[in-house]
Amino acid sequence: MRTLLLSAALLVGSSVAAFAETIEIQMLNENEAGEKMVFSQELIRAEVGDVIRFVPTDRSHNAQSAKGALPEGQEAFKGRMNQEIEYVVTETGLTAVVCQPHQTMGMVALIVVGNDVSNADEILDARLRGKGKDKIEALIEEAIATQS
């Protein structure tokens, strides 16, 4: 019986992993629209189990979760300057992502997992600065308006 349960657990776990996606986000000095200091995608929709890979295509960028701006139970992350980092999604809800040196210039992104926006107030109360705070507010409004 124990072997059967273990086999079933492994099968379920591997099938979840099979459905997980890897979402690649580039850290850019400028995008095709001419916007400076941006992530290639600013409103990122994901599901539990997905991996979000932040890739520094231009120098002097990092990606990290904003302090106090992620769902309860989700582990925070902080990438090093000019280094790729992967963020494994484990909880539903919103996570604010910033490029630390360019946050005030608006280099932020919002991860929406499972269409859950229940922690929006916590994200709005987080210590985001400059244009980054304004952009996160706009991204939260967009996430709520485009819920499926």
Protein backbone atom coordinates (compact mmCIF):
# COMPACT_ATOMS: atom_id res chain seq x y z
CA MET A 1 0.00 0.00 0.00
CA ARG A 2 2.80 2.40 0.92
CA THR A 3 4.53 1.73 -2.43
CA LEU A 4 1.27 2.37 -4.28
CA LEU A 5 0.79 5.73 -2.50
CA LEU A 6 4.39 6.74 -3.16
CA SER A 7 4.03 5.82 -6.85
CA ALA A 8 0.81 7.83 -7.10
CA ALA A 9 2.44 10.85 -5.44
CA LEU A 10 5.40 10.69 -7.81
CA LEU A 11 3.09 10.39 -10.81
CA VAL A 12 1.02 13.41 -9.74
CA GLY A 13 4.16 15.44 -8.99
CA SER A 14 5.72 14.65 -12.34
CA SER A 15 2.51 15.46 -14.22
CA VAL A 16 2.36 18.88 -12.52
CA ALA A 17 5.97 19.49 -13.53
CA ALA A 18 5.13 18.46 -17.08
CA PHE A 19 2.52 21.23 -17.28
CA ALA A 20 4.75 23.91 -15.72
CA GLU A 21 6.01 26.60 -18.04
CA THR A 22 9.22 28.56 -18.10
CA ILE A 23 8.52 32.22 -18.78
CA GLU A 24 11.51 34.26 -19.91
CA ILE A 25 11.61 37.97 -19.09
CA GLN A 26 14.40 40.16 -20.40
CA MET A 27 15.87 43.07 -18.46
CA LEU A 28 16.29 45.87 -20.99
CA ASN A 29 17.78 49.34 -21.26
CA GLU A 30 15.17 50.10 -23.93
CA ASN A 31 12.30 48.15 -25.49
CA GLU A 32 10.98 48.28 -29.06
CA ALA A 33 8.53 51.05 -28.11
CA GLY A 34 11.42 53.24 -26.94
CA GLU A 35 10.63 52.93 -23.22
CA LYS A 36 13.80 52.97 -21.15
CA MET A 37 14.77 50.71 -18.23
CA VAL A 38 12.04 48.08 -18.53
CA PHE A 39 11.32 44.40 -18.23
CA SER A 40 10.29 42.88 -21.58
CA GLN A 41 6.96 41.94 -20.02
CA GLU A 42 5.58 43.97 -17.14
CA LEU A 43 2.33 42.11 -16.39
CA ILE A 44 3.32 38.47 -16.12
CA ARG A 45 0.59 35.83 -15.79
CA ALA A 46 1.72 32.53 -14.33
CA GLU A 47 0.49 29.44 -12.52
CA VAL A 48 1.81 27.60 -9.48
CA GLY A 49 4.75 25.47 -10.61
CA ASP A 50 5.86 27.84 -13.36
CA VAL A 51 9.42 29.14 -13.47
CA ILE A 52 10.03 32.77 -14.35
CA ARG A 53 13.53 33.37 -15.67
CA PHE A 54 14.82 36.95 -15.60
CA VAL A 55 17.61 37.43 -18.15
CA PRO A 56 19.89 40.51 -18.18
CA THR A 57 20.15 41.24 -21.90
CA ASP A 58 21.66 44.63 -21.06
CA ARG A 59 24.12 45.41 -18.25
CA SER A 60 23.47 46.96 -14.82
CA HIS A 61 20.16 45.21 -14.06
CA ASN A 62 18.89 42.74 -11.50
CA ALA A 63 15.49 41.28 -10.66
CA GLN A 64 14.19 40.85 -7.13
CA SER A 65 10.92 40.67 -5.28
CA ALA A 66 9.99 43.91 -3.56
CA LYS A 67 10.06 43.66 0.23
CA GLY A 68 6.60 42.84 1.58
CA ALA A 69 5.16 42.57 -1.93
CA LEU A 70 4.51 38.85 -2.44
CA PRO A 71 1.91 36.29 -1.39
CA GLU A 72 2.10 34.70 2.04
CA GLY A 73 4.22 31.55 1.84
CA GLN A 74 6.04 32.59 -1.34
CA GLU A 75 9.80 32.78 -0.91
CA ALA A 76 11.41 36.13 -1.72
CA PHE A 77 14.19 36.29 -4.30
CA LYS A 78 17.04 38.66 -5.11
CA GLY A 79 19.14 38.36 -8.24
CA ARG A 80 22.67 39.66 -8.45
CA MET A 81 23.59 42.46 -10.82
CA ASN A 82 24.02 41.24 -14.42
CA GLN A 83 23.03 37.69 -13.43
CA GLU A 84 20.14 35.54 -14.60
CA ILE A 85 17.76 34.39 -11.87
CA GLU A 86 14.89 31.94 -11.81
CA TYR A 87 11.83 32.42 -9.62
CA VAL A 88 9.76 29.30 -8.93
CA VAL A 89 6.10 30.10 -8.32
CA THR A 90 4.73 28.25 -5.28
CA GLU A 91 1.73 30.38 -4.21
CA THR A 92 -1.17 32.18 -5.90
CA GLY A 93 -1.35 35.96 -5.65
CA LEU A 94 0.61 39.01 -6.74
CA THR A 95 4.37 39.56 -6.58
CA ALA A 96 6.00 42.92 -7.32
CA VAL A 97 9.39 42.62 -9.03
CA VAL A 98 11.90 45.45 -9.23
CA CYS A 99 15.26 46.16 -10.76
CA GLN A 100 16.86 47.68 -7.67
CA PRO A 101 18.99 50.34 -9.42
CA HIS A 102 16.18 51.39 -11.81
CA GLN A 103 13.06 51.03 -9.68
CA THR A 104 12.64 54.80 -9.37
CA MET A 105 12.74 55.02 -13.17
CA GLY A 106 9.82 52.57 -13.37
CA MET A 107 11.64 49.27 -13.98
CA VAL A 108 9.11 47.04 -12.27
CA ALA A 109 6.90 44.08 -13.14
CA LEU A 110 3.89 42.41 -11.56
CA ILE A 111 3.48 38.64 -11.46
CA VAL A 112 -0.14 37.47 -11.25
CA VAL A 113 -0.48 33.83 -10.25
CA GLY A 114 -3.75 31.98 -10.63
CA ASN A 115 -5.68 35.18 -11.35
CA ASP A 116 -5.51 35.82 -7.58
CA VAL A 117 -5.32 39.53 -6.74
CA SER A 118 -6.34 39.14 -3.10
CA ASN A 119 -3.05 40.60 -1.80
CA ALA A 120 -3.27 43.77 -3.93
CA ASP A 121 -3.53 46.01 -0.84
CA GLU A 122 -0.29 44.56 0.57
CA ILE A 123 1.46 45.25 -2.72
CA LEU A 124 0.16 48.83 -2.73
CA ASP A 125 1.43 49.29 0.85
CA ALA A 126 4.91 47.95 0.04
CA ARG A 127 7.85 50.34 -0.01
CA LEU A 128 8.12 50.96 -3.74
CA ARG A 129 9.71 54.18 -4.93
CA GLY A 130 9.38 56.75 -7.69
CA LYS A 131 7.84 55.79 -11.01
CA GLY A 132 8.01 52.16 -9.90
CA LYS A 133 5.23 52.72 -7.37
CA ASP A 134 3.02 54.45 -9.97
CA LYS A 135 3.63 51.69 -12.49
CA ILE A 136 2.84 48.91 -9.99
CA GLU A 137 -0.45 50.66 -9.17
CA ALA A 138 -1.30 50.78 -12.89
CA LEU A 139 -0.32 47.12 -13.34
CA ILE A 140 -2.55 46.07 -10.43
CA GLU A 141 -5.46 47.99 -11.99
CA GLU A 142 -4.78 46.24 -15.31
CA ALA A 143 -4.57 42.83 -13.62
CA ILE A 144 -7.92 43.37 -11.92
CA ALA A 145 -9.56 44.72 -15.10
CA THR A 146 -8.34 41.80 -17.21
CA GLN A 147 -9.15 38.94 -14.82
CA SER A 148 -10.63 35.99 -16.68
